[in-house]
Amino acid sequence: YKNFHDMEQPMKRGGQLQSFQAVFGPIGDDGFPKPLWDNTGKTDPSVFEHWKPYDIVAKIEREWPKNASLLKGRIRVYMGTQDTFLLEGAVVRLKALMDKLDPTATVELVEGKDHGSLMTQELVTKIRKGMATASGSPRTESAKDPANDGARQPVKTK
């Protein structure tokens, strides 16, 4: 995260990592979100503790006995292996947990894709089909309608 950290420092606020700090961390004495790490990369344990309740892997693991019936077969996560915001490590952890808890979950890392290149038409279609199958409703896919200047229109498929 050093490159992101260094890039965001001149902005003081508004960057991606700083948005994580604002959402998950406590407010510091200066009125800004308290950073998870300092300029040397040293982590602040008190801030780390504040972030823990938002760790989705820990939350799913901790609450699986209570929520398994609601979540089983409904978790679908797609992530590029080259994620722009370096989030793929968390998804690797999620995949390992879901492989153990619910083999029907989809946690897929797409080789070479980043935050901006992940959503290909092929993946959009795959996601829609998976959602339709899970809901039991007829699948719909988006298709270009040449009569409407190429605007996307829902089209029923079998």
Protein backbone atom coordinates (compact mmCIF):
# COMPACT_ATOMS: atom_id res chain seq x y z
CA TYR A 1 0.00 0.00 0.00
CA LYS A 2 3.02 2.28 0.17
CA ASN A 3 2.51 3.68 -3.34
CA PHE A 4 -1.12 4.54 -2.59
CA HIS A 5 -0.17 5.95 0.78
CA ASP A 6 2.57 8.15 -0.66
CA MET A 7 0.35 9.31 -3.53
CA GLU A 8 -2.45 10.32 -1.18
CA GLN A 9 -0.36 12.23 1.36
CA PRO A 10 -0.37 15.57 -0.49
CA MET A 11 -4.19 15.43 -0.74
CA LYS A 12 -4.57 14.98 3.06
CA ARG A 13 -8.08 13.64 2.40
CA GLY A 14 -10.17 12.17 -0.37
CA GLY A 15 -8.07 9.25 -1.58
CA GLN A 16 -9.06 5.60 -1.63
CA LEU A 17 -7.08 4.53 1.43
CA GLN A 18 -8.17 7.63 3.30
CA SER A 19 -11.79 6.78 2.51
CA PHE A 20 -11.23 3.38 4.13
CA GLN A 21 -9.78 5.13 7.18
CA ALA A 22 -12.78 7.47 7.33
CA VAL A 23 -15.27 4.59 7.15
CA PHE A 24 -13.57 2.01 9.36
CA GLY A 25 -11.35 3.98 11.74
CA PRO A 26 -11.67 6.39 14.63
CA ILE A 27 -11.29 10.17 14.35
CA GLY A 28 -7.92 11.53 15.48
CA ASP A 29 -7.20 14.58 17.63
CA ASP A 30 -6.79 16.69 14.47
CA GLY A 31 -10.35 15.91 13.36
CA PHE A 32 -9.20 13.65 10.52
CA PRO A 33 -9.56 9.88 10.44
CA LYS A 34 -6.77 8.29 12.43
CA PRO A 35 -4.45 6.46 10.02
CA LEU A 36 -4.05 2.70 10.27
CA TRP A 37 -0.32 3.11 9.65
CA ASP A 38 2.21 5.92 9.77
CA ASN A 39 4.66 7.15 7.11
CA THR A 40 7.09 4.35 7.99
CA GLY A 41 4.43 1.65 7.53
CA LYS A 42 4.11 0.92 11.26
CA THR A 43 0.52 -0.12 12.12
CA ASP A 44 -1.32 1.54 14.99
CA PRO A 45 -2.77 -1.37 17.06
CA SER A 46 -5.59 0.75 18.49
CA VAL A 47 -6.78 1.69 14.99
CA PHE A 48 -6.42 -1.93 13.86
CA GLU A 49 -8.75 -2.99 16.69
CA HIS A 50 -11.26 -0.39 15.53
CA TRP A 51 -11.22 -1.88 11.99
CA LYS A 52 -11.74 -5.50 13.15
CA PRO A 53 -15.57 -5.47 13.24
CA TYR A 54 -15.54 -4.63 9.51
CA ASP A 55 -13.42 -7.64 8.51
CA ILE A 56 -15.93 -9.48 6.33
CA VAL A 57 -14.03 -12.78 6.54
CA ALA A 58 -14.00 -12.70 10.35
CA LYS A 59 -17.65 -11.62 10.42
CA ILE A 60 -18.82 -14.43 8.14
CA GLU A 61 -16.79 -16.99 10.08
CA ARG A 62 -18.02 -15.72 13.45
CA GLU A 63 -21.68 -15.48 12.39
CA TRP A 64 -21.91 -18.46 10.02
CA PRO A 65 -23.81 -20.71 12.44
CA LYS A 66 -26.48 -18.02 12.79
CA ASN A 67 -26.60 -16.93 9.12
CA ALA A 68 -25.70 -20.04 7.12
CA SER A 69 -29.29 -20.70 6.08
CA LEU A 70 -29.58 -17.15 4.73
CA LEU A 71 -26.21 -17.04 2.98
CA LYS A 72 -25.68 -20.58 1.69
CA GLY A 73 -25.59 -20.53 -2.10
CA ARG A 74 -25.99 -16.75 -2.29
CA ILE A 75 -22.43 -15.44 -1.99
CA ARG A 76 -20.84 -14.41 -5.28
CA VAL A 77 -17.65 -12.35 -5.40
CA TYR A 78 -15.58 -11.61 -8.49
CA MET A 79 -12.21 -9.90 -8.19
CA GLY A 80 -9.29 -9.30 -10.50
CA THR A 81 -5.91 -10.67 -9.46
CA GLN A 82 -4.42 -7.23 -10.18
CA ASP A 83 -6.98 -5.16 -8.27
CA THR A 84 -6.29 -1.44 -8.48
CA PHE A 85 -6.86 -1.02 -4.75
CA LEU A 86 -4.94 -4.16 -3.72
CA LEU A 87 -8.05 -5.85 -2.35
CA GLU A 88 -7.33 -9.27 -3.84
CA GLY A 89 -5.58 -10.46 -0.66
CA ALA A 90 -8.83 -10.13 1.28
CA VAL A 91 -10.69 -12.01 -1.44
CA VAL A 92 -8.14 -14.84 -1.30
CA ARG A 93 -8.92 -15.10 2.43
CA LEU A 94 -12.66 -15.02 1.72
CA LYS A 95 -12.31 -17.76 -0.91
CA ALA A 96 -10.43 -20.02 1.52
CA LEU A 97 -13.14 -19.55 4.14
CA MET A 98 -16.03 -20.07 1.73
CA ASP A 99 -14.41 -23.19 0.26
CA LYS A 100 -14.58 -24.57 3.79
CA LEU A 101 -18.02 -23.26 4.82
CA ASP A 102 -20.03 -23.30 1.60
CA PRO A 103 -18.71 -24.98 -1.54
CA THR A 104 -21.68 -23.51 -3.46
CA ALA A 105 -20.37 -19.96 -2.91
CA THR A 106 -18.65 -18.30 -5.84
CA VAL A 107 -15.46 -16.46 -4.97
CA GLU A 108 -13.52 -16.08 -8.17
CA LEU A 109 -10.27 -14.30 -8.88
CA VAL A 110 -10.01 -13.37 -12.56
CA GLU A 111 -6.41 -13.52 -13.75
CA GLY A 112 -4.87 -10.23 -14.89
CA LYS A 113 -7.96 -8.09 -14.31
CA ASP A 114 -8.05 -4.93 -12.20
CA HIS A 115 -10.82 -2.77 -10.75
CA GLY A 116 -11.56 -1.20 -14.12
CA SER A 117 -11.11 -4.14 -16.49
CA LEU A 118 -12.92 -6.84 -14.53
CA MET A 119 -16.48 -6.30 -15.74
CA THR A 120 -16.46 -7.73 -19.23
CA GLN A 121 -19.72 -8.52 -21.02
CA GLU A 122 -18.94 -12.21 -20.44
CA LEU A 123 -18.69 -11.70 -16.67
CA VAL A 124 -21.83 -9.52 -16.58
CA THR A 125 -23.74 -12.30 -18.34
CA LYS A 126 -22.32 -14.90 -15.94
CA ILE A 127 -23.33 -12.83 -12.91
CA ARG A 128 -26.84 -12.24 -14.22
CA LYS A 129 -27.34 -15.93 -14.95
CA GLY A 130 -26.13 -16.82 -11.47
CA MET A 131 -28.45 -14.30 -9.85
CA ALA A 132 -31.41 -15.49 -11.88
CA THR A 133 -30.70 -19.12 -11.05
CA ALA A 134 -30.45 -18.32 -7.35
CA SER A 135 -33.67 -16.33 -7.38
CA GLY A 136 -35.57 -18.83 -9.51
CA SER A 137 -36.67 -16.08 -11.91
CA PRO A 138 -36.16 -16.08 -15.67
CA ARG A 139 -32.75 -14.79 -16.65
CA THR A 140 -32.46 -11.44 -18.31
CA GLU A 141 -29.45 -10.22 -20.18
CA SER A 142 -28.67 -6.80 -21.46
CA ALA A 143 -28.43 -6.55 -25.21
CA LYS A 144 -27.82 -3.63 -27.54
CA ASP A 145 -30.95 -2.53 -29.33
CA PRO A 146 -29.95 -1.20 -32.76
CA ALA A 147 -33.39 0.43 -33.15
CA ASN A 148 -32.68 2.52 -30.06
CA ASP A 149 -29.24 3.91 -31.01
CA GLY A 150 -27.50 0.94 -29.40
CA ALA A 151 -28.98 1.60 -25.95
CA ARG A 152 -29.08 -1.41 -23.68
CA GLN A 153 -32.46 -3.07 -23.29
CA PRO A 154 -33.43 -6.09 -21.17
CA VAL A 155 -33.94 -9.22 -23.24
CA LYS A 156 -35.45 -12.43 -21.85
CA THR A 157 -33.41 -15.58 -22.43
CA LYS A 158 -34.23 -19.21 -21.85
